[in-house]
Structures are given as structure tokens and as C-alpha cells.
């Protein structure tokens, strides 16, 4: 049995640009802080919760309250929905992602999870837009944990408890350097998705990187390796 875990933005959904745009607008509206030039990789926890907390602590010397997060999420999801209604082409799959995901879902040797740094409502909106169904898929997100490591471990724990069996292999599909580093910290395998074809994951040391899911046969060969 293998646990196969996917990130969302840049991995399943080619939504990083619209996600960043709406996050920045929602942050400005909620906290009156312009984070246009903020580089996510410079922050400790590259999750919606972690980003919000760290910037508010830095800029206002305080920790956001529950109602602050709720307002931020409301503005953010509303912005995403508005952009989705305006231009659905901003919410497309990474080529081949939907078919590959559902192909694995139908194979008994693979048990799937989704571990994303996004908040739950925004994550589900994006998955819905690319027609990826999470029934029977373990799922964790930034509503429950601040760090990528905790989110990923949550999914692994859910999968282990659900199937009452430890995995022979755990493989994480991700696109960001934070995904790669999380897998290194947790000691799990990493397969990179480089939809922008910028080579950053290879530069970091990722051994297995695909531009998209247009070669599912090759991907399955890697998953079937002992």
C-alpha cells in the first residue's frame, strides 16, 4: 500500500497567480497592509494561516484574532469566487491532473490524500473548479494547522487510521520549494510538478520532476518502483 499525497496550487490546479492576486487584495482589505512585494519563501510557514500570522506579528506586533482570520477568509474566498465567475480560465488544472488523480483513486494499491497550505474553503473552491472529487480522500489544510509539516502529518495519520495499515511508501506531489523541504524534514518521497518549467525544484535537488501529468505511464512506473 502506498500513500500518495497532493498539494493543490501549482500541483493539481494551475491557480497560483489568481490565488496570490486574491490573497494580496484580501489582506489589504482586511488589515490595510500591502503585501504585494512579499516573497512567500522568506516566511517561516508558507500556509495561509502562517503567512497571515507572521506578517501581522511583524507589521502590527500582535497576533491576529479569530475574527481577523474569519474576515480574511471571507474576503479571500469572495475574491476567488468573483474571479472564477469573471474568467474561469484562471482556474484550470495542471494538464492531466484530474485524470491522473482519479486514475490513482480507482487503484486499490494507492490511497490518496490532499495536504494544502490553503484554507479549506478556498481549497475546495479550486478543486471544484477543476472537477477533482475528494470523496474517500484524506484532506488537511490551513484551517487546522499552521505548518506544512503538521498538515502533511495530519493526512498521513488520517490515512494510517482509516486503512489501519502503515504505508510501504509515502509520496508527495508538490510544486513549491516549501513542499520539497517539508518532504525532506519528514523523510518522505517527493515528486515535483514544475508547470512553469522554471527548473527551481531541480536546482534545489529534487530528483524527480515533471512539468505536468501528460505522461501518466512514466509516473506510474515511478510509483511502482520498489
C-alpha atoms as a PDB file:
ATOM      1  CA  UNK A   1       0.000   0.000   0.000  1.00  0.00           C
ATOM      2  CA  UNK A   2       1.221   3.458  -0.921  1.00  0.00           C
ATOM      3  CA  UNK A   3       0.024   6.806   0.365  1.00  0.00           C
ATOM      4  CA  UNK A   4       0.024   9.401  -2.425  1.00  0.00           C
ATOM      5  CA  UNK A   5      -0.442  12.963  -1.190  1.00  0.00           C
ATOM      6  CA  UNK A   6      -1.021  16.013  -3.378  1.00  0.00           C
ATOM      7  CA  UNK A   7      -0.662  19.740  -2.887  1.00  0.00           C
ATOM      8  CA  UNK A   8      -3.227  21.879  -4.753  1.00  0.00           C
ATOM      9  CA  UNK A   9      -1.990  25.249  -6.107  1.00  0.00           C
ATOM     10  CA  UNK A  10       0.578  24.674  -8.828  1.00  0.00           C
ATOM     11  CA  UNK A  11       0.318  20.911  -8.376  1.00  0.00           C
ATOM     12  CA  UNK A  12      -3.248  19.895  -9.198  1.00  0.00           C
ATOM     13  CA  UNK A  13      -4.692  23.316 -10.033  1.00  0.00           C
ATOM     14  CA  UNK A  14      -2.788  25.871 -12.103  1.00  0.00           C
ATOM     15  CA  UNK A  15      -4.122  28.625  -9.850  1.00  0.00           C
ATOM     16  CA  UNK A  16      -1.089  30.207  -8.198  1.00  0.00           C
ATOM     17  CA  UNK A  17      -1.451  33.547  -9.993  1.00  0.00           C
ATOM     18  CA  UNK A  18      -5.125  34.104  -9.208  1.00  0.00           C
ATOM     19  CA  UNK A  19      -4.651  32.751  -5.685  1.00  0.00           C
ATOM     20  CA  UNK A  20      -1.819  35.190  -4.955  1.00  0.00           C
ATOM     21  CA  UNK A  21      -3.741  38.090  -6.507  1.00  0.00           C
ATOM     22  CA  UNK A  22      -6.840  37.453  -4.409  1.00  0.00           C
ATOM     23  CA  UNK A  23      -4.847  36.795  -1.236  1.00  0.00           C
ATOM     24  CA  UNK A  24      -2.995  40.108  -1.572  1.00  0.00           C
ATOM     25  CA  UNK A  25      -6.255  42.008  -2.188  1.00  0.00           C
ATOM     26  CA  UNK A  26      -7.964  40.340   0.763  1.00  0.00           C
ATOM     27  CA  UNK A  27      -5.003  41.129   3.016  1.00  0.00           C
ATOM     28  CA  UNK A  28      -5.136  44.787   2.030  1.00  0.00           C
ATOM     29  CA  UNK A  29      -8.872  44.921   2.613  1.00  0.00           C
ATOM     30  CA  UNK A  30      -8.747  43.098   5.957  1.00  0.00           C
ATOM     31  CA  UNK A  31      -5.604  44.543   7.529  1.00  0.00           C
ATOM     32  CA  UNK A  32      -4.836  47.614   5.392  1.00  0.00           C
ATOM     33  CA  UNK A  33      -1.366  46.213   4.654  1.00  0.00           C
ATOM     34  CA  UNK A  34       0.122  45.975   1.157  1.00  0.00           C
ATOM     35  CA  UNK A  35       1.961  42.659   0.759  1.00  0.00           C
ATOM     36  CA  UNK A  36       2.419  42.868  -2.996  1.00  0.00           C
ATOM     37  CA  UNK A  37       6.203  42.535  -2.745  1.00  0.00           C
ATOM     38  CA  UNK A  38       6.244  39.835  -0.073  1.00  0.00           C
ATOM     39  CA  UNK A  39       8.112  36.703  -1.124  1.00  0.00           C
ATOM     40  CA  UNK A  40       6.394  33.664   0.377  1.00  0.00           C
ATOM     41  CA  UNK A  41       9.635  31.683   0.572  1.00  0.00           C
ATOM     42  CA  UNK A  42      11.035  34.261   3.021  1.00  0.00           C
ATOM     43  CA  UNK A  43       8.374  33.354   5.587  1.00  0.00           C
ATOM     44  CA  UNK A  44       8.598  30.558   8.125  1.00  0.00           C
ATOM     45  CA  UNK A  45       5.292  28.849   7.358  1.00  0.00           C
ATOM     46  CA  UNK A  46       4.107  29.132   3.772  1.00  0.00           C
ATOM     47  CA  UNK A  47       0.449  28.454   4.527  1.00  0.00           C
ATOM     48  CA  UNK A  48      -2.488  30.850   4.532  1.00  0.00           C
ATOM     49  CA  UNK A  49      -2.575  30.735   8.342  1.00  0.00           C
ATOM     50  CA  UNK A  50       1.191  31.023   8.718  1.00  0.00           C
ATOM     51  CA  UNK A  51       1.578  33.864   6.231  1.00  0.00           C
ATOM     52  CA  UNK A  52      -1.205  35.874   7.834  1.00  0.00           C
ATOM     53  CA  UNK A  53       0.069  35.380  11.375  1.00  0.00           C
ATOM     54  CA  UNK A  54       3.715  36.150  10.620  1.00  0.00           C
ATOM     55  CA  UNK A  55       3.041  39.335   8.670  1.00  0.00           C
ATOM     56  CA  UNK A  56       0.598  40.711  11.262  1.00  0.00           C
ATOM     57  CA  UNK A  57       3.060  39.938  14.060  1.00  0.00           C
ATOM     58  CA  UNK A  58       5.794  41.703  12.105  1.00  0.00           C
ATOM     59  CA  UNK A  59       3.779  44.724  10.984  1.00  0.00           C
ATOM     60  CA  UNK A  60       1.470  45.251  13.970  1.00  0.00           C
ATOM     61  CA  UNK A  61       3.286  43.445  16.756  1.00  0.00           C
ATOM     62  CA  UNK A  62       0.189  41.420  17.547  1.00  0.00           C
ATOM     63  CA  UNK A  63      -1.323  38.026  16.734  1.00  0.00           C
ATOM     64  CA  UNK A  64      -4.499  38.014  14.628  1.00  0.00           C
ATOM     65  CA  UNK A  65      -7.696  37.182  16.472  1.00  0.00           C
ATOM     66  CA  UNK A  66     -10.166  34.523  15.369  1.00  0.00           C
ATOM     67  CA  UNK A  67     -12.435  37.172  13.873  1.00  0.00           C
ATOM     68  CA  UNK A  68      -9.480  38.594  11.895  1.00  0.00           C
ATOM     69  CA  UNK A  69      -8.862  35.230  10.270  1.00  0.00           C
ATOM     70  CA  UNK A  70     -12.556  34.776   9.588  1.00  0.00           C
ATOM     71  CA  UNK A  71     -12.777  38.173   7.906  1.00  0.00           C
ATOM     72  CA  UNK A  72      -9.649  37.477   5.865  1.00  0.00           C
ATOM     73  CA  UNK A  73     -11.030  34.135   4.707  1.00  0.00           C
ATOM     74  CA  UNK A  74     -14.372  35.729   3.798  1.00  0.00           C
ATOM     75  CA  UNK A  75     -12.717  38.437   1.684  1.00  0.00           C
ATOM     76  CA  UNK A  76     -10.301  35.955   0.110  1.00  0.00           C
ATOM     77  CA  UNK A  77     -12.907  33.380  -0.894  1.00  0.00           C
ATOM     78  CA  UNK A  78     -15.235  36.100  -2.168  1.00  0.00           C
ATOM     79  CA  UNK A  79     -12.412  37.413  -4.321  1.00  0.00           C
ATOM     80  CA  UNK A  80     -11.672  33.972  -5.718  1.00  0.00           C
ATOM     81  CA  UNK A  81     -15.343  33.387  -6.488  1.00  0.00           C
ATOM     82  CA  UNK A  82     -15.583  36.757  -8.230  1.00  0.00           C
ATOM     83  CA  UNK A  83     -12.534  35.960 -10.375  1.00  0.00           C
ATOM     84  CA  UNK A  84     -13.899  32.490 -11.125  1.00  0.00           C
ATOM     85  CA  UNK A  85     -17.203  33.971 -12.282  1.00  0.00           C
ATOM     86  CA  UNK A  86     -15.383  36.614 -14.327  1.00  0.00           C
ATOM     87  CA  UNK A  87     -12.796  34.394 -16.003  1.00  0.00           C
ATOM     88  CA  UNK A  88     -12.885  30.643 -15.473  1.00  0.00           C
ATOM     89  CA  UNK A  89      -9.646  30.245 -17.461  1.00  0.00           C
ATOM     90  CA  UNK A  90      -7.791  31.357 -14.302  1.00  0.00           C
ATOM     91  CA  UNK A  91      -8.983  28.137 -12.628  1.00  0.00           C
ATOM     92  CA  UNK A  92      -7.636  25.322 -14.765  1.00  0.00           C
ATOM     93  CA  UNK A  93      -5.990  22.055 -13.923  1.00  0.00           C
ATOM     94  CA  UNK A  94      -2.327  21.365 -14.352  1.00  0.00           C
ATOM     95  CA  UNK A  95      -2.559  19.400 -17.647  1.00  0.00           C
ATOM     96  CA  UNK A  96      -3.649  15.836 -16.970  1.00  0.00           C
ATOM     97  CA  UNK A  97      -4.051  16.307 -13.202  1.00  0.00           C
ATOM     98  CA  UNK A  98      -7.730  15.386 -12.936  1.00  0.00           C
ATOM     99  CA  UNK A  99      -7.437  12.180 -14.956  1.00  0.00           C
ATOM    100  CA  UNK A 100      -4.274  11.084 -13.145  1.00  0.00           C
ATOM    101  CA  UNK A 101      -5.773  11.803  -9.725  1.00  0.00           C
ATOM    102  CA  UNK A 102      -8.923   9.849 -10.473  1.00  0.00           C
ATOM    103  CA  UNK A 103      -6.932   7.049 -12.100  1.00  0.00           C
ATOM    104  CA  UNK A 104      -4.954   6.587  -8.872  1.00  0.00           C
ATOM    105  CA  UNK A 105      -8.150   6.855  -6.861  1.00  0.00           C
ATOM    106  CA  UNK A 106      -9.505   3.832  -8.688  1.00  0.00           C
ATOM    107  CA  UNK A 107      -6.442   1.671  -7.999  1.00  0.00           C
ATOM    108  CA  UNK A 108      -6.544  -0.298  -4.744  1.00  0.00           C
ATOM    109  CA  UNK A 109      -2.781  -0.144  -4.142  1.00  0.00           C
ATOM    110  CA  UNK A 110      -2.887   3.650  -3.786  1.00  0.00           C
ATOM    111  CA  UNK A 111      -4.596   5.602  -1.021  1.00  0.00           C
ATOM    112  CA  UNK A 112      -4.888   9.317  -1.699  1.00  0.00           C
ATOM    113  CA  UNK A 113      -4.591  12.414   0.413  1.00  0.00           C
ATOM    114  CA  UNK A 114      -4.548  16.159  -0.196  1.00  0.00           C
ATOM    115  CA  UNK A 115      -2.365  18.337   2.041  1.00  0.00           C
ATOM    116  CA  UNK A 116      -2.534  22.023   1.198  1.00  0.00           C
ATOM    117  CA  UNK A 117      -1.398  25.244   2.798  1.00  0.00           C
ATOM    118  CA  UNK A 118      -4.631  26.854   1.608  1.00  0.00           C
ATOM    119  CA  UNK A 119      -7.634  27.494   3.792  1.00  0.00           C
ATOM    120  CA  UNK A 120     -10.353  24.893   3.422  1.00  0.00           C
ATOM    121  CA  UNK A 121     -12.974  26.995   1.633  1.00  0.00           C
ATOM    122  CA  UNK A 122     -10.513  28.332  -0.926  1.00  0.00           C
ATOM    123  CA  UNK A 123      -9.043  24.857  -1.454  1.00  0.00           C
ATOM    124  CA  UNK A 124     -12.432  23.307  -2.130  1.00  0.00           C
ATOM    125  CA  UNK A 125     -13.396  26.135  -4.490  1.00  0.00           C
ATOM    126  CA  UNK A 126     -10.302  25.491  -6.609  1.00  0.00           C
ATOM    127  CA  UNK A 127     -10.696  21.716  -6.587  1.00  0.00           C
ATOM    128  CA  UNK A 128     -14.345  22.084  -7.564  1.00  0.00           C
ATOM    129  CA  UNK A 129     -13.350  24.314 -10.471  1.00  0.00           C
ATOM    130  CA  UNK A 130     -11.085  21.593 -11.899  1.00  0.00           C
ATOM    131  CA  UNK A 131     -13.568  18.803 -11.074  1.00  0.00           C
ATOM    132  CA  UNK A 132     -11.423  16.904  -8.589  1.00  0.00           C
ATOM    133  CA  UNK A 133     -13.566  14.985  -6.141  1.00  0.00           C
ATOM    134  CA  UNK A 134     -12.353  14.416  -2.568  1.00  0.00           C
ATOM    135  CA  UNK A 135     -14.753  11.667  -1.540  1.00  0.00           C
ATOM    136  CA  UNK A 136     -12.742   8.874   0.131  1.00  0.00           C
ATOM    137  CA  UNK A 137      -9.648  11.134   0.090  1.00  0.00           C
ATOM    138  CA  UNK A 138      -7.995  12.241   3.347  1.00  0.00           C
ATOM    139  CA  UNK A 139      -7.678  16.021   3.487  1.00  0.00           C
ATOM    140  CA  UNK A 140      -5.983  18.614   5.665  1.00  0.00           C
ATOM    141  CA  UNK A 141      -5.395  22.306   5.237  1.00  0.00           C
ATOM    142  CA  UNK A 142      -4.559  25.608   6.889  1.00  0.00           C
ATOM    143  CA  UNK A 143      -7.796  25.695   8.867  1.00  0.00           C
ATOM    144  CA  UNK A 144      -6.328  23.079  11.183  1.00  0.00           C
ATOM    145  CA  UNK A 145      -2.559  23.523  11.149  1.00  0.00           C
ATOM    146  CA  UNK A 146      -0.127  26.380  10.627  1.00  0.00           C
ATOM    147  CA  UNK A 147       2.871  24.479   9.251  1.00  0.00           C
ATOM    148  CA  UNK A 148       3.241  22.381   6.130  1.00  0.00           C
ATOM    149  CA  UNK A 149       4.770  19.610   8.200  1.00  0.00           C
ATOM    150  CA  UNK A 150       1.760  19.439  10.523  1.00  0.00           C
ATOM    151  CA  UNK A 151      -0.700  19.488   7.622  1.00  0.00           C
ATOM    152  CA  UNK A 152       1.120  16.657   5.849  1.00  0.00           C
ATOM    153  CA  UNK A 153       1.468  14.611   9.036  1.00  0.00           C
ATOM    154  CA  UNK A 154      -2.242  15.070   9.660  1.00  0.00           C
ATOM    155  CA  UNK A 155      -3.026  13.497   6.277  1.00  0.00           C
ATOM    156  CA  UNK A 156      -0.590  10.635   6.904  1.00  0.00           C
ATOM    157  CA  UNK A 157      -2.216   9.982  10.288  1.00  0.00           C
ATOM    158  CA  UNK A 158      -5.703  10.081   8.745  1.00  0.00           C
ATOM    159  CA  UNK A 159      -4.652   7.610   6.040  1.00  0.00           C
ATOM    160  CA  UNK A 160      -2.998   5.273   8.543  1.00  0.00           C
ATOM    161  CA  UNK A 161      -6.019   5.287  10.852  1.00  0.00           C
ATOM    162  CA  UNK A 162      -8.522   4.931   8.027  1.00  0.00           C
ATOM    163  CA  UNK A 163      -6.812   1.973   6.384  1.00  0.00           C
ATOM    164  CA  UNK A 164      -5.411   0.526   9.628  1.00  0.00           C
ATOM    165  CA  UNK A 165      -2.110  -0.042   7.941  1.00  0.00           C
ATOM    166  CA  UNK A 166       1.163   1.827   7.604  1.00  0.00           C
ATOM    167  CA  UNK A 167       2.218   2.656   4.070  1.00  0.00           C
ATOM    168  CA  UNK A 168       5.086   0.896   2.358  1.00  0.00           C
ATOM    169  CA  UNK A 169       5.823   4.231   0.668  1.00  0.00           C
ATOM    170  CA  UNK A 170       4.619   7.784   1.091  1.00  0.00           C
ATOM    171  CA  UNK A 171       4.966  10.056  -1.924  1.00  0.00           C
ATOM    172  CA  UNK A 172       4.092  13.736  -2.010  1.00  0.00           C
ATOM    173  CA  UNK A 173       3.396  15.645  -5.232  1.00  0.00           C
ATOM    174  CA  UNK A 174       4.213  19.345  -4.857  1.00  0.00           C
ATOM    175  CA  UNK A 175       5.400  22.398  -6.753  1.00  0.00           C
ATOM    176  CA  UNK A 176       6.983  24.719  -4.177  1.00  0.00           C
ATOM    177  CA  UNK A 177      10.353  24.727  -2.523  1.00  0.00           C
ATOM    178  CA  UNK A 178       8.463  24.580   0.795  1.00  0.00           C
ATOM    179  CA  UNK A 179       6.879  21.312  -0.375  1.00  0.00           C
ATOM    180  CA  UNK A 180      10.280  19.836  -1.165  1.00  0.00           C
ATOM    181  CA  UNK A 181      11.748  20.970   2.151  1.00  0.00           C
ATOM    182  CA  UNK A 182       8.749  19.586   4.059  1.00  0.00           C
ATOM    183  CA  UNK A 183       9.279  16.180   2.476  1.00  0.00           C
ATOM    184  CA  UNK A 184      12.968  16.314   3.396  1.00  0.00           C
ATOM    185  CA  UNK A 185      12.099  17.104   7.009  1.00  0.00           C
ATOM    186  CA  UNK A 186       9.526  14.315   7.194  1.00  0.00           C
ATOM    187  CA  UNK A 187      11.660  11.780   5.323  1.00  0.00           C
ATOM    188  CA  UNK A 188       9.076  11.071   2.630  1.00  0.00           C
ATOM    189  CA  UNK A 189       9.470  10.867  -1.142  1.00  0.00           C
ATOM    190  CA  UNK A 190       8.857  13.908  -3.317  1.00  0.00           C
ATOM    191  CA  UNK A 191       7.740  14.233  -6.921  1.00  0.00           C
ATOM    192  CA  UNK A 192       7.903  17.762  -8.256  1.00  0.00           C
ATOM    193  CA  UNK A 193       5.438  19.431 -10.600  1.00  0.00           C
ATOM    194  CA  UNK A 194       7.061  22.306 -12.480  1.00  0.00           C
ATOM    195  CA  UNK A 195       4.194  23.673 -14.542  1.00  0.00           C
ATOM    196  CA  UNK A 196       6.100  26.932 -15.096  1.00  0.00           C
ATOM    197  CA  UNK A 197       9.122  24.931 -16.292  1.00  0.00           C
ATOM    198  CA  UNK A 198      11.483  27.224 -14.371  1.00  0.00           C
ATOM    199  CA  UNK A 199      13.758  24.481 -13.058  1.00  0.00           C
ATOM    200  CA  UNK A 200      13.714  25.688  -9.431  1.00  0.00           C
ATOM    201  CA  UNK A 201      12.883  22.296  -7.948  1.00  0.00           C
ATOM    202  CA  UNK A 202      15.755  20.659  -9.823  1.00  0.00           C
ATOM    203  CA  UNK A 203      18.069  23.394  -8.574  1.00  0.00           C
ATOM    204  CA  UNK A 204      17.019  22.617  -5.006  1.00  0.00           C
ATOM    205  CA  UNK A 205      17.914  18.985  -5.502  1.00  0.00           C
ATOM    206  CA  UNK A 206      14.612  17.344  -6.398  1.00  0.00           C
ATOM    207  CA  UNK A 207      15.417  14.179  -8.311  1.00  0.00           C
ATOM    208  CA  UNK A 208      12.049  13.519  -9.946  1.00  0.00           C
ATOM    209  CA  UNK A 209      10.267  16.460 -11.575  1.00  0.00           C
ATOM    210  CA  UNK A 210       7.555  16.547 -14.239  1.00  0.00           C
ATOM    211  CA  UNK A 211       6.134  19.599 -15.980  1.00  0.00           C
ATOM    212  CA  UNK A 212       2.598  18.169 -15.725  1.00  0.00           C
ATOM    213  CA  UNK A 213       0.723  14.851 -15.850  1.00  0.00           C
ATOM    214  CA  UNK A 214       0.856  14.355 -19.604  1.00  0.00           C
ATOM    215  CA  UNK A 215       2.936  11.184 -19.174  1.00  0.00           C
ATOM    216  CA  UNK A 216       0.945   9.155 -16.632  1.00  0.00           C
ATOM    217  CA  UNK A 217       2.606   5.920 -17.750  1.00  0.00           C
ATOM    218  CA  UNK A 218       6.014   7.214 -16.697  1.00  0.00           C
ATOM    219  CA  UNK A 219       4.590   8.491 -13.416  1.00  0.00           C
ATOM    220  CA  UNK A 220       3.056   5.100 -12.672  1.00  0.00           C
ATOM    221  CA  UNK A 221       6.370   3.421 -13.413  1.00  0.00           C
ATOM    222  CA  UNK A 222       7.970   5.556 -10.695  1.00  0.00           C
ATOM    223  CA  UNK A 223       5.144   4.836  -8.256  1.00  0.00           C
ATOM    224  CA  UNK A 224       5.541   1.113  -8.922  1.00  0.00           C
ATOM    225  CA  UNK A 225       9.265   1.078  -8.246  1.00  0.00           C
ATOM    226  CA  UNK A 226      10.252  -0.772  -5.083  1.00  0.00           C
END
